[in-house]
Protein backbone atom coordinates (compact mmCIF):
# COMPACT_ATOMS: atom_id res chain seq x y z
CA MET A 1 93.95 106.86 82.07
CA LYS A 2 96.43 107.33 84.93
CA LYS A 3 99.43 109.52 84.18
CA VAL A 4 102.82 108.07 85.09
CA VAL A 5 106.40 109.30 85.31
CA LEU A 6 109.15 106.77 84.60
CA PHE A 7 112.43 106.89 86.47
CA GLY A 8 115.14 106.16 83.90
CA ASN A 9 116.33 107.39 80.52
CA ASN A 10 118.17 104.40 79.01
CA ARG A 11 116.96 101.73 76.59
CA TRP A 12 115.28 99.74 79.35
CA ALA A 13 113.20 102.80 80.31
CA GLU A 14 112.40 103.34 76.63
CA PHE A 15 111.28 99.71 76.39
CA VAL A 16 109.03 100.07 79.45
CA HIS A 17 107.58 103.27 77.96
CA PHE A 18 106.71 101.36 74.79
CA CYS A 19 104.96 98.57 76.74
CA LEU A 20 102.91 101.00 78.83
CA THR A 21 101.98 103.08 75.79
CA HIS A 22 100.80 100.14 73.67
CA ASP A 23 99.55 97.69 76.29
CA SER A 24 98.16 99.47 79.34
CA SER A 25 95.77 102.09 80.61
CA PHE A 26 98.71 104.24 81.77
CA GLU A 27 99.88 107.37 79.99
CA VAL A 28 103.59 108.14 80.33
CA ALA A 29 103.78 111.89 80.94
CA GLY A 30 107.55 112.11 81.35
CA PHE A 31 110.82 110.64 82.54
CA THR A 32 113.01 111.58 85.47
CA VAL A 33 116.59 110.79 86.47
CA ASP A 34 119.22 112.28 88.73
CA ARG A 35 120.29 115.61 87.31
CA GLU A 36 123.84 114.54 86.41
CA TYR A 37 122.52 111.72 84.19
CA ILE A 38 120.29 113.85 81.98
CA ILE A 39 121.54 113.52 78.40
CA ASP A 40 118.59 115.10 76.62
CA ASP A 41 115.58 116.95 77.98
CA ASN A 42 113.22 114.90 75.80
CA LEU A 43 112.73 111.16 75.31
CA CYS A 44 109.99 109.40 73.33
CA GLY A 45 108.30 112.74 72.83
CA VAL A 46 107.91 113.58 76.53
CA PRO A 47 110.13 115.65 78.87
CA VAL A 48 113.00 114.34 80.99
CA VAL A 49 113.18 116.26 84.27
CA PRO A 50 115.65 116.23 87.20
CA PHE A 51 114.61 113.92 90.03
CA ASP A 52 115.27 116.65 92.61
CA GLN A 53 112.53 118.75 90.95
CA VAL A 54 110.15 116.06 89.74
CA GLU A 55 107.44 116.64 92.37
CA SER A 56 107.16 120.33 91.43
CA ILE A 57 106.70 119.48 87.73
CA PHE A 58 104.71 116.26 88.12
CA PRO A 59 102.96 116.53 91.53
CA PRO A 60 102.44 113.20 93.34
CA ALA A 61 98.77 114.05 93.83
CA GLU A 62 98.29 113.95 90.05
CA TYR A 63 100.94 111.52 88.81
CA ALA A 64 102.13 108.04 89.73
CA MET A 65 105.63 106.70 89.12
CA LEU A 66 107.37 103.53 88.00
CA VAL A 67 111.09 102.99 88.58
CA ALA A 68 112.17 101.62 85.19
CA ILE A 69 115.61 100.31 86.16
CA SER A 70 116.72 96.73 85.53
CA TYR A 71 119.12 94.87 87.85
CA GLN A 72 122.03 97.30 88.30
CA GLY A 73 123.93 96.78 91.54
CA MET A 74 122.11 93.52 92.29
CA ASN A 75 118.80 95.42 92.19
CA ARG A 76 120.03 97.90 94.82
CA LEU A 77 119.80 100.94 92.54
CA ARG A 78 116.18 100.14 91.72
CA GLU A 79 115.48 99.65 95.43
CA GLU A 80 117.11 103.00 96.30
CA LYS A 81 115.01 104.94 93.78
CA TYR A 82 111.91 102.96 94.76
CA TYR A 83 112.14 104.23 98.34
CA GLN A 84 113.10 107.74 97.27
CA ALA A 85 110.03 107.92 95.02
CA LYS A 86 107.85 106.73 97.89
CA SER A 87 109.36 109.36 100.21
CA LYS A 88 108.31 112.02 97.70
CA GLY A 89 104.74 110.77 98.00
CA TYR A 90 104.38 108.91 94.70
CA GLU A 91 102.20 105.87 94.18
CA LEU A 92 104.28 103.17 92.47
CA ILE A 93 102.35 101.35 89.76
CA THR A 94 102.61 97.73 88.62
CA TYR A 95 102.39 96.71 84.97
CA ILE A 96 101.23 93.23 83.94
CA SER A 97 101.22 92.55 80.22
CA SER A 98 97.86 91.70 78.73
CA LYS A 99 99.65 88.75 77.13
CA ALA A 100 100.72 87.29 80.49
CA LEU A 101 98.74 84.42 82.03
CA THR A 102 97.59 85.02 85.59
CA TRP A 103 94.96 83.52 87.87
CA PRO A 104 92.48 85.06 90.34
CA GLY A 105 93.95 85.94 93.69
CA LEU A 106 97.41 86.86 92.43
CA ALA A 107 99.31 88.60 95.26
CA ILE A 108 101.74 91.11 93.76
CA GLY A 109 103.34 94.26 95.14
CA ASP A 110 103.98 97.70 93.69
CA ASN A 111 106.59 98.79 91.15
CA CYS A 112 106.48 95.35 89.52
CA LEU A 113 106.79 94.47 85.84
CA VAL A 114 105.40 91.26 84.33
CA PHE A 115 106.10 90.92 80.63
CA GLU A 116 104.48 89.02 77.78
CA TYR A 117 103.76 85.29 77.96
CA ALA A 118 104.83 85.00 81.58
CA SER A 119 102.72 82.28 83.24
CA LEU A 120 101.99 82.84 86.93
CA ASN A 121 100.32 79.82 88.53
CA PRO A 122 97.72 80.02 91.31
CA PHE A 123 98.75 80.63 94.93
CA ILE A 124 101.97 82.51 94.22
CA LYS A 125 103.19 85.65 95.97
CA ILE A 126 105.34 88.31 94.34
CA GLY A 127 106.81 91.06 96.51
CA ASN A 128 107.48 94.71 95.78
CA ASN A 129 109.81 96.05 93.09
CA VAL A 130 110.10 92.75 91.18
CA THR A 131 110.65 92.28 87.44
CA ILE A 132 109.38 89.12 85.72
CA GLY A 133 110.65 88.75 82.15
CA ALA A 134 108.91 87.36 79.08
CA ASN A 135 108.11 83.63 78.91
CA VAL A 136 108.79 83.03 82.61
CA LEU A 137 106.93 80.20 84.36
CA ILE A 138 106.36 80.50 88.11
CA GLY A 139 104.83 77.39 89.65
CA HIS A 140 102.06 77.18 92.22
CA HIS A 141 102.66 78.19 95.86
CA SER A 142 105.97 79.88 95.01
CA VAL A 143 107.20 83.12 96.59
CA ILE A 144 109.34 85.76 94.88
CA SER A 145 110.60 88.23 97.49
CA ASP A 146 111.16 91.98 97.17
CA HIS A 147 113.65 93.57 94.74
CA CYS A 148 114.25 90.53 92.51
CA PHE A 149 114.86 90.34 88.77
CA VAL A 150 113.75 87.15 86.98
CA SER A 151 115.00 87.08 83.40
CA SER A 152 113.18 85.81 80.33
CA GLY A 153 112.62 82.09 79.88
CA THR A 154 113.18 81.15 83.53
CA VAL A 155 111.26 78.14 84.88
CA ILE A 156 110.50 78.21 88.61
CA LEU A 157 108.60 75.10 89.66
CA GLY A 158 106.07 74.74 92.48
CA SER A 159 106.64 75.72 96.12
CA VAL A 160 109.92 77.54 95.44
CA THR A 161 111.00 80.46 97.62
CA VAL A 162 113.27 83.11 96.13
CA GLY A 163 114.84 85.46 98.67
CA PRO A 164 115.23 89.25 98.19
CA TYR A 165 117.64 90.91 95.77
CA CYS A 166 118.14 87.81 93.64
CA LEU A 167 119.13 88.02 89.99
CA ILE A 168 117.97 84.98 88.02
CA GLY A 169 119.43 84.66 84.53
CA ALA A 170 117.63 83.82 81.31
CA ASN A 171 116.51 80.24 80.65
CA SER A 172 117.48 79.02 84.11
CA ALA A 173 115.44 76.44 86.00
CA ILE A 174 114.73 75.97 89.70
CA LYS A 175 113.42 72.65 90.97
CA GLU A 176 110.29 72.39 93.11
CA LYS A 177 110.50 73.08 96.86
CA VAL A 178 113.94 74.69 96.56
CA THR A 179 114.85 77.84 98.48
CA VAL A 180 117.03 80.37 96.68
CA ALA A 181 118.65 82.43 99.44
CA GLY A 182 118.82 86.21 99.28
CA ASP A 183 121.33 88.07 97.09
CA CYS A 184 121.97 85.07 94.85
CA VAL A 185 122.98 85.22 91.21
CA ILE A 186 121.69 82.33 89.14
CA GLY A 187 123.42 82.45 85.77
CA SER A 188 121.77 81.98 82.39
CA GLY A 189 120.86 78.38 81.65
CA VAL A 190 121.71 77.11 85.14
CA ALA A 191 119.55 74.40 86.77
CA ILE A 192 119.20 74.64 90.56
CA SER A 193 118.10 71.40 92.24
CA LYS A 194 118.86 72.14 95.89
CA ASP A 195 118.84 75.07 98.31
CA THR A 196 121.39 77.77 97.58
CA ARG A 197 123.74 79.68 99.86
CA GLU A 198 123.10 83.37 100.61
CA LYS A 199 124.99 85.65 98.19
CA GLY A 200 125.96 82.59 96.17
CA VAL A 201 126.88 82.93 92.50
CA TYR A 202 125.90 79.92 90.39
CA ILE A 203 127.06 79.87 86.78
CA GLU A 204 127.29 77.30 84.02
CA HIS A 205 130.60 76.24 82.50
CA PRO A 206 131.43 78.54 79.59
CA PRO A 207 131.06 77.11 76.09
CA GLU A 208 134.15 75.50 74.57
CA LEU A 209 135.81 77.12 71.57
CA LEU A 210 136.80 74.36 69.16
CA PRO A 211 140.10 74.60 67.27
CA LYS A 212 138.25 74.18 63.96
CA SER A 213 136.65 77.11 62.15
CA SER A 214 133.03 77.01 61.04
CA ASP A 215 134.25 76.60 57.42
CA ALA A 216 136.03 73.37 58.34
CA LEU A 217 132.98 72.19 60.24
CA ARG A 218 130.75 72.91 57.26
CA LYS A 219 133.01 70.81 54.99
CA TRP A 220 133.05 67.98 57.53
CA LEU A 221 129.25 68.01 57.81
CA SER A 222 128.94 67.94 54.03
CA TRP A 223 131.34 64.95 53.80
CA SER A 224 129.54 63.17 56.67
CA ALA A 225 126.18 63.58 54.97
CA LYS A 226 127.50 62.04 51.76
CA ALA A 227 129.30 59.20 53.57
CA ASN A 228 126.16 58.23 55.45
CA LYS A 229 123.82 58.46 52.46
CA PRO A 230 122.09 55.07 51.92
CA ALA A 231 123.38 53.15 48.91
CA THR A 232 121.00 52.81 45.97
CA ASN A 233 119.75 49.28 45.35
CA SER A 234 119.86 49.00 41.54
CA ALA A 235 117.84 45.78 41.48
CA SER A 236 115.07 47.32 43.50
CA THR A 237 115.16 50.38 41.25
CA GLU A 238 114.80 48.27 38.11
CA SER A 239 111.99 46.32 39.74
CA ARG A 240 110.06 49.49 40.48
CA LYS A 241 110.54 50.65 36.92
CA ASP A 242 108.98 47.41 35.69
């Protein structure tokens, strides 16, 4: 069982700790963050140590690391700590849920997370420092470049290329053979059917707030159900009774 230190001390890091503890061969020995962000010196029953001292407490020869940061700063914060951890000599691990579907020959980098029920088709390539959320589908011959975050429920069809630093929102969809340029934000629920522009932000129209309250809507639905109820045919009823 390889011992691992997680960079992070928020709820996302706590979530990653839970996944590794219950669904991997890794043992989380501790957490580390920059000194000024230490709130408590213990999290999930293991120590939280300053990042400027981590190699003296958890030597890189004995411990690996995983940067458990989500998409802050368009993935730049995770990238920064990824390279700092490497410069300290740490191996960066990759976690793939046992509940994810993968195929032989999967090409995936280090410091990656692939969560439950993600489906990764054959012939795909995933770069370094990439997060793939739960229930994501990535189609055959697709490429996900370094430092991306793909949120839960996303559908990426075949032969798609996603450039570096992209943030792809939950339940979005990308059509086959499309190129998503680097540094793009694809909002939740957005469907992309053609190539995007670098650093483009693509969002769906916000939902409309109706002037009626839900109480009024409930009454209208109740009235509508009664108004559309089929009339009873008394003759047919009497016939069935006979």
